[in-house]
Structure formats: C-alpha cells, structure tokens
Amino acid sequence: MSERFDKIQARLTETFQPLVCQLQDDSAAHAGHAGAASGGGHYSVKIVCKQFEGLNRISRHRLVYDAVGDMMHTEIHALAIVALAPSEMPT
C-alpha cells in the first residue's frame, strides 16, 4: 500500500485500538474527479471499537474525523465511514 494509506491506517489504529479496521483506497474509482486533482485520496473504512458503544452515528463519525482531521483536504479528499460498536457485530 501507499505511505498515505499506511499513515491513515496507523492513525486509526493508534487512536481507537479497534477490533476491526478495514481501510480501502477507492481513489482509482475517482480518477478525473476534481478532488483527485488536488492530490487527496478517496477512502472507505469499516471500524469497530468499544469507544463507539452508546454513541449515535454522527458522534462516531466525528470521532473518526477528529482522529484524521489534519489529513482531511490534503491526504484525504473523501472518507466513507462505517463505525460500529462491538455489540453491533454479527455473531
């Protein structure tokens, strides 16, 4: 993977110590998009961690954006988030 991908993955892992952290680089699917021209990548992440227990979806997304906030609009142009608490994982 790229250095940028590894940096995002490391930041999420360090911040949340997640049970699951599946980061995907979707940038190739957005080639030619205005955001791609700025150099920022398009990513999607599925993250499961205990910090999300009892929080609504907006609060969970805010935590994720806070974790990578300094990367937004530079390394990251778009980030699609699925943030789950462990209790929401299928058994």
PDB file of N, CA and C in Angstrom:
ATOM      1  N   MET A   1       0.840  -1.190   0.000  1.00  0.00           N
ATOM      2  CA  MET A   1       0.000   0.000   0.000  1.00  0.00           C
ATOM      3  C   MET A   1       0.882   1.248   0.000  1.00  0.00           C
ATOM      4  N   SER A   2       0.243   2.376  -0.096  1.00  0.00           N
ATOM      5  CA  SER A   2       0.973   3.630  -0.162  1.00  0.00           C
ATOM      6  C   SER A   2       1.322   4.137   1.236  1.00  0.00           C
ATOM      7  N   GLU A   3       2.240   5.073   1.270  1.00  0.00           N
ATOM      8  CA  GLU A   3       2.620   5.704   2.537  1.00  0.00           C
ATOM      9  C   GLU A   3       1.422   6.416   3.161  1.00  0.00           C
ATOM     10  N   ARG A   4       0.623   7.059   2.323  1.00  0.00           N
ATOM     11  CA  ARG A   4      -0.576   7.756   2.796  1.00  0.00           C
ATOM     12  C   ARG A   4      -1.558   6.773   3.428  1.00  0.00           C
ATOM     13  N   PHE A   5      -1.798   5.660   2.757  1.00  0.00           N
ATOM     14  CA  PHE A   5      -2.694   4.622   3.266  1.00  0.00           C
ATOM     15  C   PHE A   5      -2.198   4.136   4.628  1.00  0.00           C
ATOM     16  N   ASP A   6      -0.915   3.829   4.704  1.00  0.00           N
ATOM     17  CA  ASP A   6      -0.324   3.341   5.953  1.00  0.00           C
ATOM     18  C   ASP A   6      -0.453   4.367   7.075  1.00  0.00           C
ATOM     19  N   LYS A   7      -0.308   5.636   6.744  1.00  0.00           N
ATOM     20  CA  LYS A   7      -0.426   6.710   7.741  1.00  0.00           C
ATOM     21  C   LYS A   7      -1.850   6.785   8.292  1.00  0.00           C
ATOM     22  N   ILE A   8      -2.841   6.693   7.412  1.00  0.00           N
ATOM     23  CA  ILE A   8      -4.237   6.730   7.848  1.00  0.00           C
ATOM     24  C   ILE A   8      -4.550   5.506   8.711  1.00  0.00           C
ATOM     25  N   GLN A   9      -4.136   4.339   8.247  1.00  0.00           N
ATOM     26  CA  GLN A   9      -4.358   3.090   8.983  1.00  0.00           C
ATOM     27  C   GLN A   9      -3.721   3.167  10.374  1.00  0.00           C
ATOM     28  N   ALA A  10      -2.499   3.652  10.445  1.00  0.00           N
ATOM     29  CA  ALA A  10      -1.801   3.761  11.728  1.00  0.00           C
ATOM     30  C   ALA A  10      -2.514   4.730  12.662  1.00  0.00           C
ATOM     31  N   ARG A  11      -2.961   5.854  12.135  1.00  0.00           N
ATOM     32  CA  ARG A  11      -3.650   6.850  12.963  1.00  0.00           C
ATOM     33  C   ARG A  11      -4.932   6.262  13.564  1.00  0.00           C
ATOM     34  N   LEU A  12      -5.714   5.573  12.745  1.00  0.00           N
ATOM     35  CA  LEU A  12      -6.954   4.979  13.240  1.00  0.00           C
ATOM     36  C   LEU A  12      -6.678   3.888  14.266  1.00  0.00           C
ATOM     37  N   THR A  13      -5.666   3.091  14.012  1.00  0.00           N
ATOM     38  CA  THR A  13      -5.311   2.011  14.932  1.00  0.00           C
ATOM     39  C   THR A  13      -4.805   2.560  16.261  1.00  0.00           C
ATOM     40  N   GLU A  14      -3.953   3.554  16.220  1.00  0.00           N
ATOM     41  CA  GLU A  14      -3.417   4.154  17.443  1.00  0.00           C
ATOM     42  C   GLU A  14      -4.518   4.836  18.252  1.00  0.00           C
ATOM     43  N   THR A  15      -5.421   5.502  17.574  1.00  0.00           N
ATOM     44  CA  THR A  15      -6.468   6.258  18.253  1.00  0.00           C
ATOM     45  C   THR A  15      -7.515   5.362  18.892  1.00  0.00           C
ATOM     46  N   PHE A  16      -7.943   4.329  18.183  1.00  0.00           N
ATOM     47  CA  PHE A  16      -9.090   3.544  18.630  1.00  0.00           C
ATOM     48  C   PHE A  16      -8.765   2.141  19.134  1.00  0.00           C
ATOM     49  N   GLN A  17      -7.601   1.594  18.837  1.00  0.00           N
ATOM     50  CA  GLN A  17      -7.305   0.198  19.139  1.00  0.00           C
ATOM     51  C   GLN A  17      -8.512  -0.676  18.757  1.00  0.00           C
ATOM     52  N   PRO A  18      -8.916  -0.604  17.496  1.00  0.00           N
ATOM     53  CA  PRO A  18     -10.161  -1.251  17.069  1.00  0.00           C
ATOM     54  C   PRO A  18     -10.070  -2.769  17.019  1.00  0.00           C
ATOM     55  N   LEU A  19     -11.235  -3.394  17.134  1.00  0.00           N
ATOM     56  CA  LEU A  19     -11.333  -4.838  16.924  1.00  0.00           C
ATOM     57  C   LEU A  19     -11.246  -5.135  15.427  1.00  0.00           C
ATOM     58  N   VAL A  20     -11.785  -4.223  14.623  1.00  0.00           N
ATOM     59  CA  VAL A  20     -11.744  -4.317  13.163  1.00  0.00           C
ATOM     60  C   VAL A  20     -11.415  -2.936  12.622  1.00  0.00           C
ATOM     61  N   CYS A  21     -10.507  -2.881  11.668  1.00  0.00           N
ATOM     62  CA  CYS A  21     -10.224  -1.634  10.959  1.00  0.00           C
ATOM     63  C   CYS A  21      -9.886  -2.007   9.521  1.00  0.00           C
ATOM     64  N   GLN A  22     -10.895  -1.910   8.665  1.00  0.00           N
ATOM     65  CA  GLN A  22     -10.731  -2.259   7.259  1.00  0.00           C
ATOM     66  C   GLN A  22     -10.747  -0.982   6.440  1.00  0.00           C
ATOM     67  N   LEU A  23      -9.573  -0.540   6.059  1.00  0.00           N
ATOM     68  CA  LEU A  23      -9.419   0.665   5.262  1.00  0.00           C
ATOM     69  C   LEU A  23      -9.250   0.261   3.806  1.00  0.00           C
ATOM     70  N   GLN A  24      -9.922   0.974   2.924  1.00  0.00           N
ATOM     71  CA  GLN A  24      -9.839   0.680   1.494  1.00  0.00           C
ATOM     72  C   GLN A  24      -9.560   1.975   0.741  1.00  0.00           C
ATOM     73  N   ASP A  25      -8.639   1.915  -0.191  1.00  0.00           N
ATOM     74  CA  ASP A  25      -8.325   3.058  -1.042  1.00  0.00           C
ATOM     75  C   ASP A  25      -9.199   2.978  -2.292  1.00  0.00           C
ATOM     76  N   ASP A  26     -10.134   3.899  -2.410  1.00  0.00           N
ATOM     77  CA  ASP A  26     -11.059   3.936  -3.539  1.00  0.00           C
ATOM     78  C   ASP A  26     -10.656   4.990  -4.569  1.00  0.00           C
ATOM     79  N   SER A  27      -9.470   5.511  -4.473  1.00  0.00           N
ATOM     80  CA  SER A  27      -9.035   6.634  -5.303  1.00  0.00           C
ATOM     81  C   SER A  27      -9.087   6.325  -6.795  1.00  0.00           C
ATOM     82  N   ALA A  28      -8.737   5.117  -7.189  1.00  0.00           N
ATOM     83  CA  ALA A  28      -8.721   4.777  -8.613  1.00  0.00           C
ATOM     84  C   ALA A  28     -10.100   4.931  -9.249  1.00  0.00           C
ATOM     85  N   ALA A  29     -11.139   4.688  -8.472  1.00  0.00           N
ATOM     86  CA  ALA A  29     -12.506   4.801  -8.984  1.00  0.00           C
ATOM     87  C   ALA A  29     -12.922   6.250  -9.164  1.00  0.00           C
ATOM     88  N   HIS A  30     -12.129   7.170  -8.649  1.00  0.00           N
ATOM     89  CA  HIS A  30     -12.466   8.591  -8.725  1.00  0.00           C
ATOM     90  C   HIS A  30     -11.466   9.383  -9.566  1.00  0.00           C
ATOM     91  N   ALA A  31     -10.707   8.685 -10.384  1.00  0.00           N
ATOM     92  CA  ALA A  31      -9.732   9.361 -11.256  1.00  0.00           C
ATOM     93  C   ALA A  31     -10.461  10.357 -12.137  1.00  0.00           C
ATOM     94  N   GLY A  32      -9.906  11.543 -12.262  1.00  0.00           N
ATOM     95  CA  GLY A  32     -10.512  12.591 -13.061  1.00  0.00           C
ATOM     96  C   GLY A  32     -11.464  13.474 -12.276  1.00  0.00           C
ATOM     97  N   HIS A  33     -11.811  13.064 -11.081  1.00  0.00           N
ATOM     98  CA  HIS A  33     -12.683  13.834 -10.197  1.00  0.00           C
ATOM     99  C   HIS A  33     -11.903  15.054  -9.715  1.00  0.00           C
ATOM    100  N   ALA A  34     -12.591  16.145  -9.469  1.00  0.00           N
ATOM    101  CA  ALA A  34     -11.928  17.384  -9.034  1.00  0.00           C
ATOM    102  C   ALA A  34     -11.092  17.167  -7.774  1.00  0.00           C
ATOM    103  N   GLY A  35     -11.588  16.348  -6.850  1.00  0.00           N
ATOM    104  CA  GLY A  35     -10.845  16.079  -5.624  1.00  0.00           C
ATOM    105  C   GLY A  35      -9.560  15.324  -5.876  1.00  0.00           C
ATOM    106  N   ALA A  36      -9.577  14.479  -6.900  1.00  0.00           N
ATOM    107  CA  ALA A  36      -8.373  13.724  -7.238  1.00  0.00           C
ATOM    108  C   ALA A  36      -7.277  14.662  -7.742  1.00  0.00           C
ATOM    109  N   ALA A  37      -7.673  15.734  -8.398  1.00  0.00           N
ATOM    110  CA  ALA A  37      -6.702  16.694  -8.919  1.00  0.00           C
ATOM    111  C   ALA A  37      -5.936  17.394  -7.805  1.00  0.00           C
ATOM    112  N   SER A  38      -6.566  17.532  -6.631  1.00  0.00           N
ATOM    113  CA  SER A  38      -5.899  18.203  -5.511  1.00  0.00           C
ATOM    114  C   SER A  38      -4.901  17.299  -4.807  1.00  0.00           C
ATOM    115  N   GLY A  39      -4.905  16.020  -5.158  1.00  0.00           N
ATOM    116  CA  GLY A  39      -3.961  15.089  -4.560  1.00  0.00           C
ATOM    117  C   GLY A  39      -4.524  14.291  -3.402  1.00  0.00           C
ATOM    118  N   GLY A  40      -5.687  14.658  -2.910  1.00  0.00           N
ATOM    119  CA  GLY A  40      -6.302  13.916  -1.817  1.00  0.00           C
ATOM    120  C   GLY A  40      -6.936  12.639  -2.311  1.00  0.00           C
ATOM    121  N   GLY A  41      -6.823  11.579  -1.527  1.00  0.00           N
ATOM    122  CA  GLY A  41      -7.385  10.291  -1.900  1.00  0.00           C
ATOM    123  C   GLY A  41      -8.802  10.099  -1.407  1.00  0.00           C
ATOM    124  N   HIS A  42      -9.473   9.128  -2.005  1.00  0.00           N
ATOM    125  CA  HIS A  42     -10.816   8.715  -1.600  1.00  0.00           C
ATOM    126  C   HIS A  42     -10.678   7.379  -0.876  1.00  0.00           C
ATOM    127  N   TYR A  43     -11.204   7.311   0.335  1.00  0.00           N
ATOM    128  CA  TYR A  43     -11.073   6.115   1.157  1.00  0.00           C
ATOM    129  C   TYR A  43     -12.413   5.726   1.761  1.00  0.00           C
ATOM    130  N   SER A  44     -12.521   4.461   2.102  1.00  0.00           N
ATOM    131  CA  SER A  44     -13.653   3.994   2.899  1.00  0.00           C
ATOM    132  C   SER A  44     -13.070   3.164   4.038  1.00  0.00           C
ATOM    133  N   VAL A  45     -13.748   3.209   5.181  1.00  0.00           N
ATOM    134  CA  VAL A  45     -13.270   2.474   6.344  1.00  0.00           C
ATOM    135  C   VAL A  45     -14.445   1.864   7.087  1.00  0.00           C
ATOM    136  N   LYS A  46     -14.233   0.642   7.531  1.00  0.00           N
ATOM    137  CA  LYS A  46     -15.141  -0.008   8.475  1.00  0.00           C
ATOM    138  C   LYS A  46     -14.326  -0.182   9.743  1.00  0.00           C
ATOM    139  N   ILE A  47     -14.813   0.421  10.814  1.00  0.00           N
ATOM    140  CA  ILE A  47     -14.074   0.374  12.073  1.00  0.00           C
ATOM    141  C   ILE A  47     -15.017  -0.022  13.202  1.00  0.00           C
ATOM    142  N   VAL A  48     -14.566  -0.960  14.007  1.00  0.00           N
ATOM    143  CA  VAL A  48     -15.343  -1.460  15.141  1.00  0.00           C
ATOM    144  C   VAL A  48     -14.496  -1.273  16.395  1.00  0.00           C
ATOM    145  N   CYS A  49     -15.017  -0.500  17.345  1.00  0.00           N
ATOM    146  CA  CYS A  49     -14.273  -0.308  18.584  1.00  0.00           C
ATOM    147  C   CYS A  49     -15.219  -0.005  19.737  1.00  0.00           C
ATOM    148  N   LYS A  50     -14.739  -0.290  20.939  1.00  0.00           N
ATOM    149  CA  LYS A  50     -15.579  -0.125  22.128  1.00  0.00           C
ATOM    150  C   LYS A  50     -15.914   1.337  22.423  1.00  0.00           C
ATOM    151  N   GLN A  51     -15.100   2.292  21.935  1.00  0.00           N
ATOM    152  CA  GLN A  51     -15.397   3.706  22.159  1.00  0.00           C
ATOM    153  C   GLN A  51     -16.714   4.128  21.514  1.00  0.00           C
ATOM    154  N   PHE A  52     -17.212   3.359  20.563  1.00  0.00           N
ATOM    155  CA  PHE A  52     -18.443   3.709  19.867  1.00  0.00           C
ATOM    156  C   PHE A  52     -19.707   3.219  20.587  1.00  0.00           C
ATOM    157  N   GLU A  53     -19.561   2.408  21.630  1.00  0.00           N
ATOM    158  CA  GLU A  53     -20.722   1.922  22.383  1.00  0.00           C
ATOM    159  C   GLU A  53     -21.507   3.105  22.933  1.00  0.00           C
ATOM    160  N   GLY A  54     -22.807   3.091  22.705  1.00  0.00           N
ATOM    161  CA  GLY A  54     -23.680   4.121  23.246  1.00  0.00           C
ATOM    162  C   GLY A  54     -23.692   5.432  22.482  1.00  0.00           C
ATOM    163  N   LEU A  55     -22.894   5.527  21.418  1.00  0.00           N
ATOM    164  CA  LEU A  55     -22.850   6.761  20.628  1.00  0.00           C
ATOM    165  C   LEU A  55     -23.698   6.610  19.366  1.00  0.00           C
ATOM    166  N   ASN A  56     -24.288   7.718  18.930  1.00  0.00           N
ATOM    167  CA  ASN A  56     -25.023   7.678  17.667  1.00  0.00           C
ATOM    168  C   ASN A  56     -24.034   7.770  16.505  1.00  0.00           C
ATOM    169  N   ARG A  57     -24.557   7.573  15.308  1.00  0.00           N
ATOM    170  CA  ARG A  57     -23.712   7.528  14.122  1.00  0.00           C
ATOM    171  C   ARG A  57     -22.939   8.829  13.918  1.00  0.00           C
ATOM    172  N   ILE A  58     -23.567   9.960  14.129  1.00  0.00           N
ATOM    173  CA  ILE A  58     -22.890  11.249  13.933  1.00  0.00           C
ATOM    174  C   ILE A  58     -21.731  11.413  14.910  1.00  0.00           C
ATOM    175  N   SER A  59     -21.936  11.043  16.156  1.00  0.00           N
ATOM    176  CA  SER A  59     -20.866  11.145  17.155  1.00  0.00           C
ATOM    177  C   SER A  59     -19.698  10.237  16.805  1.00  0.00           C
ATOM    178  N   ARG A  60     -20.000   9.058  16.312  1.00  0.00           N
ATOM    179  CA  ARG A  60     -18.933   8.121  15.907  1.00  0.00           C
ATOM    180  C   ARG A  60     -18.130   8.697  14.745  1.00  0.00           C
ATOM    181  N   HIS A  61     -18.839   9.239  13.762  1.00  0.00           N
ATOM    182  CA  HIS A  61     -18.150   9.823  12.608  1.00  0.00           C
ATOM    183  C   HIS A  61     -17.286  11.001  13.035  1.00  0.00           C
ATOM    184  N   ARG A  62     -17.775  11.797  13.958  1.00  0.00           N
ATOM    185  CA  ARG A  62     -16.970  12.930  14.455  1.00  0.00           C
ATOM    186  C   ARG A  62     -15.671  12.450  15.077  1.00  0.00           C
ATOM    187  N   LEU A  63     -15.738  11.369  15.843  1.00  0.00           N
ATOM    188  CA  LEU A  63     -14.521  10.819  16.452  1.00  0.00           C
ATOM    189  C   LEU A  63     -13.523  10.385  15.389  1.00  0.00           C
ATOM    190  N   VAL A  64     -14.021   9.733  14.344  1.00  0.00           N
ATOM    191  CA  VAL A  64     -13.129   9.295  13.262  1.00  0.00           C
ATOM    192  C   VAL A  64     -12.528  10.515  12.560  1.00  0.00           C
ATOM    193  N   TYR A  65     -13.366  11.490  12.226  1.00  0.00           N
ATOM    194  CA  TYR A  65     -12.847  12.696  11.577  1.00  0.00           C
ATOM    195  C   TYR A  65     -11.860  13.445  12.479  1.00  0.00           C
ATOM    196  N   ASP A  66     -12.108  13.459  13.786  1.00  0.00           N
ATOM    197  CA  ASP A  66     -11.161  14.084  14.712  1.00  0.00           C
ATOM    198  C   ASP A  66      -9.803  13.381  14.652  1.00  0.00           C
ATOM    199  N   ALA A  67      -9.825  12.069  14.520  1.00  0.00           N
ATOM    200  CA  ALA A  67      -8.583  11.290  14.502  1.00  0.00           C
ATOM    201  C   ALA A  67      -7.735  11.592  13.272  1.00  0.00           C
ATOM    202  N   VAL A  68      -8.380  11.885  12.147  1.00  0.00           N
ATOM    203  CA  VAL A  68      -7.643  12.134  10.905  1.00  0.00           C
ATOM    204  C   VAL A  68      -7.820  13.571  10.407  1.00  0.00           C
ATOM    205  N   GLY A  69      -8.289  14.442  11.276  1.00  0.00           N
ATOM    206  CA  GLY A  69      -8.635  15.806  10.891  1.00  0.00           C
ATOM    207  C   GLY A  69      -7.547  16.571  10.172  1.00  0.00           C
ATOM    208  N   ASP A  70      -6.312  16.425  10.614  1.00  0.00           N
ATOM    209  CA  ASP A  70      -5.227  17.162   9.978  1.00  0.00           C
ATOM    210  C   ASP A  70      -4.899  16.626   8.581  1.00  0.00           C
ATOM    211  N   MET A  71      -5.414  15.448   8.239  1.00  0.00           N
ATOM    212  CA  MET A  71      -5.181  14.857   6.923  1.00  0.00           C
ATOM    213  C   MET A  71      -6.286  15.192   5.923  1.00  0.00           C
ATOM    214  N   MET A  72      -7.414  15.680   6.446  1.00  0.00           N
ATOM    215  CA  MET A  72      -8.538  15.993   5.571  1.00  0.00           C
ATOM    216  C   MET A  72      -8.165  17.158   4.654  1.00  0.00           C
ATOM    217  N   HIS A  73      -8.523  17.018   3.404  1.00  0.00           N
ATOM    218  CA  HIS A  73      -8.305  18.019   2.365  1.00  0.00           C
ATOM    219  C   HIS A  73      -6.840  18.129   1.948  1.00  0.00           C
ATOM    220  N   THR A  74      -6.001  17.263   2.475  1.00  0.00           N
ATOM    221  CA  THR A  74      -4.618  17.174   1.990  1.00  0.00           C
ATOM    222  C   THR A  74      -4.411  15.738   1.516  1.00  0.00           C
ATOM    223  N   GLU A  75      -4.176  14.813   2.445  1.00  0.00           N
ATOM    224  CA  GLU A  75      -4.035  13.399   2.067  1.00  0.00           C
ATOM    225  C   GLU A  75      -5.377  12.743   1.771  1.00  0.00           C
ATOM    226  N   ILE A  76      -6.440  13.207   2.430  1.00  0.00           N
ATOM    227  CA  ILE A  76      -7.766  12.615   2.270  1.00  0.00           C
ATOM    228  C   ILE A  76      -8.715  13.657   1.669  1.00  0.00           C
ATOM    229  N   HIS A  77      -9.310  13.319   0.537  1.00  0.00           N
ATOM    230  CA  HIS A  77     -10.344  14.186  -0.043  1.00  0.00           C
ATOM    231  C   HIS A  77     -11.724  13.730   0.422  1.00  0.00           C
ATOM    232  N   ALA A  78     -11.935  12.417   0.486  1.00  0.00           N
ATOM    233  CA  ALA A  78     -13.232  11.875   0.885  1.00  0.00           C
ATOM    234  C   ALA A  78     -13.017  10.621   1.729  1.00  0.00           C
ATOM    235  N   LEU A  79     -13.870  10.474   2.744  1.00  0.00           N
ATOM    236  CA  LEU A  79     -13.777   9.319   3.628  1.00  0.00           C
ATOM    237  C   LEU A  79     -15.187   8.823   3.937  1.00  0.00           C
ATOM    238  N   ALA A  80     -15.491   7.625   3.457  1.00  0.00           N
ATOM    239  CA  ALA A  80     -16.776   6.984   3.760  1.00  0.00           C
ATOM    240  C   ALA A  80     -16.560   6.118   4.998  1.00  0.00           C
ATOM    241  N   ILE A  81     -17.425   6.268   5.995  1.00  0.00           N
ATOM    242  CA  ILE A  81     -17.211   5.626   7.293  1.00  0.00           C
ATOM    243  C   ILE A  81     -18.367   4.713   7.655  1.00  0.00           C
ATOM    244  N   VAL A  82     -18.026   3.501   8.072  1.00  0.00           N
ATOM    245  CA  VAL A  82     -18.948   2.610   8.779  1.00  0.00           C
ATOM    246  C   VAL A  82     -18.306   2.400  10.139  1.00  0.00           C
ATOM    247  N   ALA A  83     -18.924   2.939  11.171  1.00  0.00           N
ATOM    248  CA  ALA A  83     -18.378   2.877  12.533  1.00  0.00           C
ATOM    249  C   ALA A  83     -19.359   2.116  13.416  1.00  0.00           C
ATOM    250  N   LEU A  84     -18.906   1.002  13.952  1.00  0.00           N
ATOM    251  CA  LEU A  84     -19.768   0.132  14.745  1.00  0.00           C
ATOM    252  C   LEU A  84     -19.179  -0.126  16.125  1.00  0.00           C
ATOM    253  N   ALA A  85     -20.072  -0.372  17.068  1.00  0.00           N
ATOM    254  CA  ALA A  85     -19.669  -0.827  18.392  1.00  0.00           C
ATOM    255  C   ALA A  85     -19.592  -2.356  18.337  1.00  0.00           C
ATOM    256  N   PRO A  86     -18.789  -2.977  19.194  1.00  0.00           N
ATOM    257  CA  PRO A  86     -18.703  -4.439  19.198  1.00  0.00           C
ATOM    258  C   PRO A  86     -20.054  -5.127  19.363  1.00  0.00           C
ATOM    259  N   SER A  87     -20.951  -4.541  20.113  1.00  0.00           N
ATOM    260  CA  SER A  87     -22.257  -5.156  20.332  1.00  0.00           C
ATOM    261  C   SER A  87     -23.103  -5.192  19.058  1.00  0.00           C
ATOM    262  N   GLU A  88     -22.699  -4.443  18.031  1.00  0.00           N
ATOM    263  CA  GLU A  88     -23.452  -4.412  16.779  1.00  0.00           C
ATOM    264  C   GLU A  88     -22.915  -5.381  15.729  1.00  0.00           C
ATOM    265  N   MET A  89     -21.847  -6.059  16.063  1.00  0.00           N
ATOM    266  CA  MET A  89     -21.258  -7.019  15.128  1.00  0.00           C
ATOM    267  C   MET A  89     -22.080  -8.307  15.133  1.00  0.00           C
ATOM    268  N   PRO A  90     -22.272  -8.879  13.948  1.00  0.00           N
ATOM    269  CA  PRO A  90     -22.986 -10.162  13.893  1.00  0.00           C
ATOM    270  C   PRO A  90     -22.179 -11.251  14.605  1.00  0.00           C
ATOM    271  N   THR A  91     -22.885 -12.155  15.207  1.00  0.00           N
ATOM    272  CA  THR A  91     -22.177 -13.240  15.929  1.00  0.00           C
ATOM    273  C   THR A  91     -22.049 -14.476  15.089  1.00  0.00           C
TER     274      THR A  91
END
